[in-house]
Amino acid sequence: MITGHRQQRCRGDRGSAAIEAAILAPVLLALIGLAIAGGRIQVAGGAIEAPAHDAARAASIARTEGQARTDAYRAASATLDQQGLHCSQLTVVVDTSGFAVPVGQPATVAASITCVVDLSDIVVDGLPGSRTINATFVSVLDTFRTRT
């Protein structure tokens, strides 16, 4: 049999689980949101390396500086589409100074990719709306191929 003192203590604990859940739920949801954002940024950071590689390679195969820039952008866009990474803003900068090096001397071309990843669909206080991720890759130009 329960005494009067024990009955009062049991009655005083009623509703405490609901209060604890109301306090902890927003904290847990914020942690889940941060984990999702961190995962998305990590995946995007790893996925941006391949488009930089493909852009530099496409630029190194091109015959002219203008074609190198165009081919690099197309290659980077295609690789990003294949990986399912959608940049709200994509910038591909190609350093074509290697095309000015005389034939017979080693030269390189570099492609730098800047991708702005949109995080606005993850609603967590204090989280920025987007994150900028960069990657650069250098590819060798054929030493004995003509360059214009």
C-alpha atoms as a PDB file:
ATOM      1  CA  MET A   1       0.000   0.000   0.000  1.00  0.00           C
ATOM      2  CA  ILE A   2       1.232   3.479  -0.815  1.00  0.00           C
ATOM      3  CA  THR A   3       1.441   5.952   1.994  1.00  0.00           C
ATOM      4  CA  GLY A   4       0.257   9.546   1.736  1.00  0.00           C
ATOM      5  CA  HIS A   5       3.768  10.940   1.467  1.00  0.00           C
ATOM      6  CA  ARG A   6       4.673   8.654  -1.474  1.00  0.00           C
ATOM      7  CA  GLN A   7       1.424   9.464  -3.262  1.00  0.00           C
ATOM      8  CA  GLN A   8       2.195  13.174  -3.170  1.00  0.00           C
ATOM      9  CA  ARG A   9       5.669  12.655  -4.604  1.00  0.00           C
ATOM     10  CA  CYS A  10       4.321  10.522  -7.473  1.00  0.00           C
ATOM     11  CA  ARG A  11       1.683  13.120  -8.252  1.00  0.00           C
ATOM     12  CA  GLY A  12       4.348  15.858  -8.304  1.00  0.00           C
ATOM     13  CA  ASP A  13       6.232  14.072 -11.125  1.00  0.00           C
ATOM     14  CA  ARG A  14       3.255  14.061 -13.478  1.00  0.00           C
ATOM     15  CA  GLY A  15       3.870  15.963 -16.704  1.00  0.00           C
ATOM     16  CA  SER A  16       7.626  16.185 -16.208  1.00  0.00           C
ATOM     17  CA  ALA A  17       8.290  13.979 -19.262  1.00  0.00           C
ATOM     18  CA  ALA A  18       6.292  16.344 -21.464  1.00  0.00           C
ATOM     19  CA  ILE A  19       8.238  19.330 -20.151  1.00  0.00           C
ATOM     20  CA  GLU A  20      11.550  17.554 -20.716  1.00  0.00           C
ATOM     21  CA  ALA A  21      10.514  16.665 -24.269  1.00  0.00           C
ATOM     22  CA  ALA A  22       9.447  20.257 -24.953  1.00  0.00           C
ATOM     23  CA  ILE A  23      12.840  21.516 -23.779  1.00  0.00           C
ATOM     24  CA  LEU A  24      14.964  18.876 -25.520  1.00  0.00           C
ATOM     25  CA  ALA A  25      13.114  18.649 -28.874  1.00  0.00           C
ATOM     26  CA  PRO A  26      14.334  21.994 -30.301  1.00  0.00           C
ATOM     27  CA  VAL A  27      17.897  21.219 -29.239  1.00  0.00           C
ATOM     28  CA  LEU A  28      17.786  17.796 -30.887  1.00  0.00           C
ATOM     29  CA  LEU A  29      16.251  19.221 -34.066  1.00  0.00           C
ATOM     30  CA  ALA A  30      18.971  21.887 -34.216  1.00  0.00           C
ATOM     31  CA  LEU A  31      21.670  19.214 -33.843  1.00  0.00           C
ATOM     32  CA  ILE A  32      20.091  17.139 -36.615  1.00  0.00           C
ATOM     33  CA  GLY A  33      19.967  20.225 -38.861  1.00  0.00           C
ATOM     34  CA  LEU A  34      23.627  20.985 -38.180  1.00  0.00           C
ATOM     35  CA  ALA A  35      24.570  17.379 -38.950  1.00  0.00           C
ATOM     36  CA  ILE A  36      22.708  17.550 -42.271  1.00  0.00           C
ATOM     37  CA  ALA A  37      24.365  20.872 -43.170  1.00  0.00           C
ATOM     38  CA  GLY A  38      27.803  19.571 -42.214  1.00  0.00           C
ATOM     39  CA  GLY A  39      27.258  16.443 -44.277  1.00  0.00           C
ATOM     40  CA  ARG A  40      26.125  18.449 -47.280  1.00  0.00           C
ATOM     41  CA  ILE A  41      29.166  20.732 -47.051  1.00  0.00           C
ATOM     42  CA  GLN A  42      31.502  17.735 -46.665  1.00  0.00           C
ATOM     43  CA  VAL A  43      30.027  15.937 -49.680  1.00  0.00           C
ATOM     44  CA  ALA A  44      30.178  19.115 -51.779  1.00  0.00           C
ATOM     45  CA  GLY A  45      33.806  19.680 -50.764  1.00  0.00           C
ATOM     46  CA  GLY A  46      34.755  16.199 -51.901  1.00  0.00           C
ATOM     47  CA  ALA A  47      32.648  16.371 -55.045  1.00  0.00           C
ATOM     48  CA  ILE A  48      34.199  19.636 -56.258  1.00  0.00           C
ATOM     49  CA  GLU A  49      37.626  18.018 -56.773  1.00  0.00           C
ATOM     50  CA  ALA A  50      36.483  15.908 -59.742  1.00  0.00           C
ATOM     51  CA  PRO A  51      35.078  18.848 -61.745  1.00  0.00           C
ATOM     52  CA  ALA A  52      38.324  20.779 -61.180  1.00  0.00           C
ATOM     53  CA  HIS A  53      40.303  17.804 -62.481  1.00  0.00           C
ATOM     54  CA  ASP A  54      38.041  17.373 -65.507  1.00  0.00           C
ATOM     55  CA  ALA A  55      38.100  21.107 -66.280  1.00  0.00           C
ATOM     56  CA  ALA A  56      41.917  21.234 -66.194  1.00  0.00           C
ATOM     57  CA  ARG A  57      42.177  18.120 -68.340  1.00  0.00           C
ATOM     58  CA  ALA A  58      39.706  19.469 -70.913  1.00  0.00           C
ATOM     59  CA  ALA A  59      41.593  22.766 -71.038  1.00  0.00           C
ATOM     60  CA  SER A  60      44.932  20.996 -71.539  1.00  0.00           C
ATOM     61  CA  ILE A  61      43.602  19.114 -74.570  1.00  0.00           C
ATOM     62  CA  ALA A  62      42.246  22.262 -76.263  1.00  0.00           C
ATOM     63  CA  ARG A  63      44.155  23.883 -79.125  1.00  0.00           C
ATOM     64  CA  THR A  64      43.493  27.542 -78.235  1.00  0.00           C
ATOM     65  CA  GLU A  65      43.084  29.576 -75.064  1.00  0.00           C
ATOM     66  CA  GLY A  66      39.468  30.454 -75.879  1.00  0.00           C
ATOM     67  CA  GLN A  67      38.583  26.849 -76.569  1.00  0.00           C
ATOM     68  CA  ALA A  68      40.356  25.844 -73.336  1.00  0.00           C
ATOM     69  CA  ARG A  69      38.122  28.150 -71.286  1.00  0.00           C
ATOM     70  CA  THR A  70      34.950  26.951 -73.009  1.00  0.00           C
ATOM     71  CA  ASP A  71      35.864  23.259 -72.753  1.00  0.00           C
ATOM     72  CA  ALA A  72      36.835  23.639 -69.074  1.00  0.00           C
ATOM     73  CA  TYR A  73      33.476  25.191 -68.163  1.00  0.00           C
ATOM     74  CA  ARG A  74      31.561  22.518 -70.075  1.00  0.00           C
ATOM     75  CA  ALA A  75      33.551  19.710 -68.467  1.00  0.00           C
ATOM     76  CA  ALA A  76      33.074  21.123 -64.961  1.00  0.00           C
ATOM     77  CA  SER A  77      29.320  21.600 -65.490  1.00  0.00           C
ATOM     78  CA  ALA A  78      28.903  18.083 -66.881  1.00  0.00           C
ATOM     79  CA  THR A  79      30.790  16.503 -63.981  1.00  0.00           C
ATOM     80  CA  LEU A  80      28.795  18.474 -61.409  1.00  0.00           C
ATOM     81  CA  ASP A  81      25.549  17.367 -63.081  1.00  0.00           C
ATOM     82  CA  GLN A  82      26.676  13.723 -63.058  1.00  0.00           C
ATOM     83  CA  GLN A  83      27.456  13.954 -59.343  1.00  0.00           C
ATOM     84  CA  GLY A  84      24.145  15.648 -58.547  1.00  0.00           C
ATOM     85  CA  LEU A  85      25.816  18.695 -57.007  1.00  0.00           C
ATOM     86  CA  HIS A  86      23.867  21.840 -57.823  1.00  0.00           C
ATOM     87  CA  CYS A  87      25.746  25.100 -57.431  1.00  0.00           C
ATOM     88  CA  SER A  88      23.675  28.241 -57.084  1.00  0.00           C
ATOM     89  CA  GLN A  89      26.689  30.001 -58.621  1.00  0.00           C
ATOM     90  CA  LEU A  90      29.472  28.269 -60.562  1.00  0.00           C
ATOM     91  CA  THR A  91      32.705  30.001 -61.547  1.00  0.00           C
ATOM     92  CA  VAL A  92      35.421  28.322 -63.608  1.00  0.00           C
ATOM     93  CA  VAL A  93      38.670  30.279 -63.974  1.00  0.00           C
ATOM     94  CA  VAL A  94      41.285  28.842 -66.303  1.00  0.00           C
ATOM     95  CA  ASP A  95      44.919  29.987 -66.226  1.00  0.00           C
ATOM     96  CA  THR A  96      45.973  29.616 -69.857  1.00  0.00           C
ATOM     97  CA  SER A  97      49.361  31.291 -69.542  1.00  0.00           C
ATOM     98  CA  GLY A  98      50.941  27.962 -70.476  1.00  0.00           C
ATOM     99  CA  PHE A  99      49.716  28.435 -74.039  1.00  0.00           C
ATOM    100  CA  ALA A 100      52.265  31.274 -74.411  1.00  0.00           C
ATOM    101  CA  VAL A 101      55.189  28.969 -73.573  1.00  0.00           C
ATOM    102  CA  PRO A 102      57.135  27.979 -76.722  1.00  0.00           C
ATOM    103  CA  VAL A 103      56.618  24.478 -78.102  1.00  0.00           C
ATOM    104  CA  GLY A 104      59.218  22.063 -76.745  1.00  0.00           C
ATOM    105  CA  GLN A 105      59.161  23.550 -73.236  1.00  0.00           C
ATOM    106  CA  PRO A 106      57.012  22.171 -70.423  1.00  0.00           C
ATOM    107  CA  ALA A 107      53.815  24.105 -69.714  1.00  0.00           C
ATOM    108  CA  THR A 108      50.703  23.708 -67.620  1.00  0.00           C
ATOM    109  CA  VAL A 109      47.121  24.923 -67.477  1.00  0.00           C
ATOM    110  CA  ALA A 110      45.214  25.351 -64.205  1.00  0.00           C
ATOM    111  CA  ALA A 111      41.482  25.292 -63.574  1.00  0.00           C
ATOM    112  CA  SER A 112      39.961  26.791 -60.430  1.00  0.00           C
ATOM    113  CA  ILE A 113      36.352  25.970 -59.585  1.00  0.00           C
ATOM    114  CA  THR A 114      34.226  28.008 -57.179  1.00  0.00           C
ATOM    115  CA  CYS A 115      30.836  26.584 -56.264  1.00  0.00           C
ATOM    116  CA  VAL A 116      28.307  28.297 -54.012  1.00  0.00           C
ATOM    117  CA  VAL A 117      26.239  25.590 -52.295  1.00  0.00           C
ATOM    118  CA  ASP A 118      22.769  26.693 -51.213  1.00  0.00           C
ATOM    119  CA  LEU A 119      21.885  25.788 -47.610  1.00  0.00           C
ATOM    120  CA  SER A 120      18.759  27.924 -47.284  1.00  0.00           C
ATOM    121  CA  ASP A 121      16.488  24.860 -47.283  1.00  0.00           C
ATOM    122  CA  ILE A 122      18.008  23.788 -43.945  1.00  0.00           C
ATOM    123  CA  VAL A 123      16.388  26.003 -41.347  1.00  0.00           C
ATOM    124  CA  VAL A 124      18.738  26.279 -38.368  1.00  0.00           C
ATOM    125  CA  ASP A 125      19.372  29.540 -36.547  1.00  0.00           C
ATOM    126  CA  GLY A 126      22.895  30.843 -37.060  1.00  0.00           C
ATOM    127  CA  LEU A 127      23.521  28.756 -40.195  1.00  0.00           C
ATOM    128  CA  PRO A 128      24.535  30.778 -43.260  1.00  0.00           C
ATOM    129  CA  GLY A 129      22.307  30.577 -46.333  1.00  0.00           C
ATOM    130  CA  SER A 130      25.151  29.370 -48.544  1.00  0.00           C
ATOM    131  CA  ARG A 131      28.709  28.106 -48.463  1.00  0.00           C
ATOM    132  CA  THR A 132      31.455  28.747 -51.024  1.00  0.00           C
ATOM    133  CA  ILE A 133      33.688  25.793 -51.906  1.00  0.00           C
ATOM    134  CA  ASN A 134      36.851  26.037 -54.028  1.00  0.00           C
ATOM    135  CA  ALA A 135      39.101  23.551 -55.799  1.00  0.00           C
ATOM    136  CA  THR A 136      42.066  23.941 -58.164  1.00  0.00           C
ATOM    137  CA  PHE A 137      43.761  21.408 -60.384  1.00  0.00           C
ATOM    138  CA  VAL A 138      46.759  21.717 -62.725  1.00  0.00           C
ATOM    139  CA  SER A 139      47.190  19.698 -65.906  1.00  0.00           C
ATOM    140  CA  VAL A 140      50.240  19.447 -68.178  1.00  0.00           C
ATOM    141  CA  LEU A 141      50.126  20.662 -71.776  1.00  0.00           C
ATOM    142  CA  ASP A 142      51.615  18.400 -74.427  1.00  0.00           C
ATOM    143  CA  THR A 143      55.200  19.632 -74.810  1.00  0.00           C
ATOM    144  CA  PHE A 144      55.440  19.087 -78.583  1.00  0.00           C
ATOM    145  CA  ARG A 145      51.931  20.084 -79.689  1.00  0.00           C
ATOM    146  CA  THR A 146      51.406  23.444 -81.356  1.00  0.00           C
ATOM    147  CA  ARG A 147      49.679  26.098 -79.264  1.00  0.00           C
ATOM    148  CA  THR A 148      47.869  29.224 -80.392  1.00  0.00           C
END
